[in-house]
Protein backbone atom coordinates (compact mmCIF):
# COMPACT_ATOMS: atom_id res chain seq x y z
CA MET A 1 -14.34 28.64 -55.66
CA PRO A 2 -11.16 30.69 -54.11
CA THR A 3 -7.72 30.65 -56.10
CA SER A 4 -4.35 31.22 -53.94
CA THR A 5 -1.28 33.25 -54.74
CA PRO A 6 1.87 32.76 -52.81
CA SER A 7 1.48 35.50 -50.04
CA THR A 8 -2.60 35.84 -49.69
CA THR A 9 -6.01 34.23 -50.72
CA SER A 10 -8.49 35.99 -53.53
CA PHE A 11 -11.62 35.22 -54.06
CA ASN A 12 -14.19 35.70 -57.28
CA LYS A 13 -16.83 38.21 -57.30
CA THR A 14 -19.37 35.86 -57.30
CA GLN A 15 -18.27 34.60 -53.97
CA TRP A 16 -17.81 38.13 -52.82
CA ASN A 17 -21.06 39.01 -53.59
CA GLN A 18 -22.47 35.95 -51.89
CA TRP A 19 -20.76 36.36 -48.79
CA LEU A 20 -21.37 40.49 -48.40
CA ASP A 21 -24.82 40.09 -49.28
CA GLN A 22 -25.06 37.79 -46.26
CA LEU A 23 -23.51 40.21 -44.01
CA ALA A 24 -25.77 42.59 -45.25
CA GLU A 25 -28.83 40.09 -44.50
CA LYS A 26 -27.89 38.76 -41.04
CA GLU A 27 -25.64 41.46 -40.00
CA TYR A 28 -22.83 38.84 -39.37
CA ILE A 29 -20.74 36.16 -41.39
CA TYR A 30 -17.99 33.80 -40.69
CA ILE A 31 -15.87 32.01 -43.44
CA ASP A 32 -13.37 29.38 -43.08
CA SER A 33 -10.09 28.84 -44.28
CA PHE A 34 -10.07 32.24 -45.56
CA ILE A 35 -6.13 32.98 -45.72
CA ASP A 36 -3.65 31.39 -47.70
CA ASP A 37 -1.76 28.63 -46.05
CA SER A 38 1.78 30.32 -46.13
CA LEU A 39 0.44 33.76 -44.93
CA TYR A 40 -1.49 31.76 -42.04
CA GLN A 41 1.98 30.36 -40.97
CA LYS A 42 3.62 33.58 -41.16
CA ILE A 43 1.07 35.38 -39.20
CA GLN A 44 0.90 32.36 -36.43
CA HIS A 45 4.90 32.74 -36.31
CA TYR A 46 4.77 36.69 -35.77
CA PHE A 47 2.14 36.59 -33.22
CA HIS A 48 4.37 34.07 -31.24
CA THR A 49 7.57 36.05 -31.62
CA LEU A 50 5.30 39.42 -30.21
CA TYR A 51 4.22 37.30 -27.43
CA SER A 52 7.96 35.38 -26.59
CA GLU A 53 9.09 39.37 -26.34
CA SER A 54 6.44 40.50 -24.18
CA GLU A 55 4.83 43.42 -26.91
CA PHE A 56 1.13 42.25 -25.77
CA THR A 57 -0.47 44.64 -22.78
CA LYS A 58 -3.64 44.10 -20.98
CA ALA A 59 -6.30 45.40 -22.95
CA ALA A 60 -8.97 47.74 -21.41
CA ILE A 61 -12.59 49.14 -21.83
CA GLY A 62 -13.87 52.34 -23.21
CA PRO A 63 -12.85 55.18 -25.30
CA SER A 64 -9.34 56.34 -25.17
CA LYS A 65 -9.81 59.42 -22.97
CA GLN A 66 -11.73 57.09 -20.41
CA GLN A 67 -9.67 53.54 -20.64
CA GLN A 68 -10.08 51.44 -17.53
CA ILE A 69 -8.67 47.91 -16.82
CA LYS A 70 -11.23 45.25 -15.38
CA SER A 71 -10.48 42.19 -15.58
CA SER A 72 -14.13 41.42 -14.44
CA ILE A 73 -15.26 42.29 -18.08
CA ARG A 74 -12.33 41.49 -20.28
CA GLY A 75 -9.60 39.47 -19.80
CA ASP A 76 -7.22 39.53 -23.17
CA PHE A 77 -3.82 41.03 -23.98
CA ILE A 78 -3.65 42.80 -27.22
CA TYR A 79 -0.88 44.39 -29.22
CA TRP A 80 -1.77 47.28 -31.98
CA LEU A 81 -0.58 46.69 -35.73
CA ASP A 82 1.33 49.06 -37.48
CA ARG A 83 1.41 48.68 -41.16
CA GLU A 84 4.95 50.13 -41.20
CA LYS A 85 6.38 48.45 -38.09
CA ASP A 86 4.82 45.28 -38.82
CA SER A 87 5.91 44.98 -42.28
CA GLU A 88 7.00 41.31 -41.74
CA ILE A 89 3.20 40.79 -42.30
CA SER A 90 2.64 42.87 -45.00
CA ALA A 91 0.94 40.25 -47.03
CA LEU A 92 -1.75 40.42 -44.27
CA PHE A 93 -2.59 44.26 -45.12
CA VAL A 94 -2.81 43.62 -48.55
CA LEU A 95 -5.65 40.83 -47.49
CA LEU A 96 -6.91 43.94 -45.69
CA GLU A 97 -7.02 46.11 -48.39
CA GLU A 98 -8.95 43.57 -50.81
CA LEU A 99 -11.34 42.91 -48.46
CA VAL A 100 -11.96 46.59 -47.80
CA ASP A 101 -12.18 47.27 -51.59
CA ASN A 102 -15.17 44.55 -51.62
CA LEU A 103 -16.95 45.71 -49.06
CA LYS A 104 -16.96 49.19 -50.42
CA GLN A 105 -17.98 47.74 -53.96
CA ASN A 106 -20.81 45.63 -52.78
CA LEU A 107 -22.00 47.38 -49.26
CA PHE A 108 -21.51 51.08 -50.41
CA LEU A 109 -19.76 51.67 -47.05
CA SER A 110 -17.58 54.72 -46.91
CA ILE A 111 -14.83 53.09 -45.12
CA ALA A 112 -11.76 55.49 -44.72
CA ASP A 113 -9.59 53.66 -42.41
CA TYR A 114 -9.05 50.50 -40.49
CA GLU A 115 -7.50 49.45 -37.23
CA PHE A 116 -6.57 45.67 -35.95
CA HIS A 117 -4.49 44.45 -33.40
CA PHE A 118 -3.80 40.63 -31.99
CA ALA A 119 -5.79 39.35 -29.30
CA LEU A 120 -4.50 36.55 -26.82
CA TYR A 121 -6.78 35.15 -23.87
CA PRO A 122 -5.45 33.27 -21.39
CA ALA A 123 -7.06 30.17 -20.05
CA GLU A 124 -9.99 31.30 -17.62
CA THR A 125 -10.63 34.14 -19.10
CA PHE A 126 -13.56 36.03 -21.26
CA TYR A 127 -15.06 39.28 -22.31
CA LYS A 128 -18.76 40.15 -21.26
CA LYS A 129 -21.71 40.63 -23.62
CA HIS A 130 -20.65 44.09 -25.39
CA LEU A 131 -21.21 46.06 -28.62
CA ASP A 132 -17.73 47.52 -30.47
CA GLN A 133 -19.20 51.15 -30.56
CA PHE A 134 -18.87 53.47 -27.74
CA GLN A 135 -21.59 55.61 -26.54
CA GLY A 136 -21.93 58.58 -28.60
CA GLN A 137 -19.41 57.86 -31.37
CA SER A 138 -19.70 55.85 -34.61
CA ASN A 139 -16.41 55.34 -36.35
CA ARG A 140 -16.78 51.69 -36.54
CA LEU A 141 -18.73 50.19 -39.20
CA ILE A 142 -17.73 46.54 -39.55
CA SER A 143 -15.84 44.02 -36.69
CA VAL A 144 -13.43 41.41 -38.39
CA LEU A 145 -12.13 38.69 -36.79
CA ILE A 146 -9.27 36.13 -37.86
CA TYR A 147 -9.24 33.43 -35.39
CA LEU A 148 -5.50 31.79 -35.04
CA ASN A 149 -6.27 28.76 -32.54
CA ASP A 150 -5.39 25.53 -34.65
CA HIS A 151 -6.59 21.95 -33.35
CA TRP A 152 -9.44 24.04 -31.30
CA GLN A 153 -12.01 21.11 -30.14
CA PRO A 154 -15.55 21.06 -28.36
CA GLY A 155 -15.13 21.76 -24.57
CA ASP A 156 -12.15 24.29 -24.75
CA GLY A 157 -14.64 27.19 -24.64
CA GLY A 158 -13.65 30.49 -25.89
CA GLU A 159 -16.87 30.55 -28.60
CA LEU A 160 -17.94 34.16 -29.33
CA LYS A 161 -21.50 34.30 -28.59
CA ILE A 162 -23.77 36.60 -30.95
CA TYR A 163 -26.84 37.64 -29.96
CA GLU A 164 -29.27 38.36 -32.88
CA PRO A 165 -31.98 40.94 -32.45
CA ASN A 166 -35.05 37.95 -32.64
CA GLY A 167 -33.67 36.92 -29.50
CA LYS A 168 -31.86 33.86 -30.88
CA GLU A 169 -28.02 33.19 -29.44
CA VAL A 170 -25.52 31.65 -32.16
CA LEU A 171 -22.31 30.71 -30.83
CA ILE A 172 -19.25 30.20 -33.31
CA GLU A 173 -15.91 28.37 -32.51
CA PRO A 174 -12.85 30.50 -32.34
CA LEU A 175 -11.58 27.90 -35.32
CA GLY A 176 -7.80 28.52 -36.78
CA ASN A 177 -8.18 30.35 -40.19
CA ARG A 178 -11.90 31.63 -39.72
CA LEU A 179 -12.87 34.71 -40.75
CA LEU A 180 -15.86 36.53 -38.78
CA MET A 181 -17.33 39.61 -39.76
CA PHE A 182 -20.19 41.21 -38.02
CA LYS A 183 -21.75 45.01 -38.04
CA SER A 184 -19.96 46.94 -34.76
CA ASP A 185 -23.08 48.98 -33.85
CA SER A 186 -25.90 46.55 -33.97
CA VAL A 187 -24.25 43.06 -33.31
CA ALA A 188 -24.27 42.49 -29.25
CA HIS A 189 -21.69 39.75 -28.46
CA GLU A 190 -19.50 38.24 -26.12
CA VAL A 191 -16.16 36.05 -25.69
CA LEU A 192 -16.89 33.10 -23.49
CA LEU A 193 -15.05 31.16 -20.63
CA THR A 194 -11.80 30.06 -22.49
CA HIS A 195 -10.17 27.11 -21.21
CA LYS A 196 -6.79 27.25 -22.95
CA SER A 197 -4.94 30.32 -24.39
CA ARG A 198 -7.39 31.57 -27.20
CA LYS A 199 -5.92 33.85 -30.29
CA SER A 200 -6.99 36.26 -32.93
CA LEU A 201 -6.65 39.46 -34.83
CA THR A 202 -9.29 41.69 -34.31
CA GLY A 203 -10.00 45.11 -35.92
CA TRP A 204 -12.62 47.47 -37.07
CA LEU A 205 -13.12 49.02 -40.20
CA LEU A 206 -13.65 52.70 -39.87
CA GLN A 207 -15.58 55.72 -41.08
CA LYS A 208 -12.84 58.19 -41.08
CA PRO A 209 -9.28 57.92 -40.40
CA ALA A 210 -8.14 56.30 -37.27
CA SER A 211 -5.39 59.24 -36.31
CA LEU A 212 -8.69 61.74 -36.03
CA ASN A 213 -11.10 59.50 -33.86
CA HIS A 214 -8.77 57.11 -32.45
CA LEU A 215 -11.41 54.62 -30.90
CA VAL A 216 -8.30 52.12 -29.11
């Protein structure tokens, strides 16, 4: 069972092994109540502060040198996180380091870096089916999302639909404090139409530093 610290959440080795075995087998996994409540609330507050200060920008599609804004494909607004600039949520980066360390140890992944942003989908927006890997590039290893939607109800929409290789389609509700991880190069997915604002922390674990091959 997880044990809490004042700023983050730590899980024992057995629990991590179980989760990451499932990630290796199914290529995706979600975990509820992932973050300690005090850190979760701090992240929520910081998200809303950034949004109120108009720090979010319209998200684009494609690799950095070929980016295009296409609302017919993707409707979210994003804010890229920086460990130094966003020191108010430094405990989040500690948690991400714990996540990276466990993935390295359990799945023998060569993770050299990560990149994360806040994402806000306004009501009546979506993101059509895609992979989190650009053609001809392979830097993204694992996609990581932490949902920030409290009091989400059936009918609110905004589910993430995963397309399994066997043809099965799985819907994952974007419930607050739910962690979702999946393999970036093989798990096709989409964000279904949301009927109210939908928030998340979204990012990728990279096999080489983002500064060398920035896949915004």
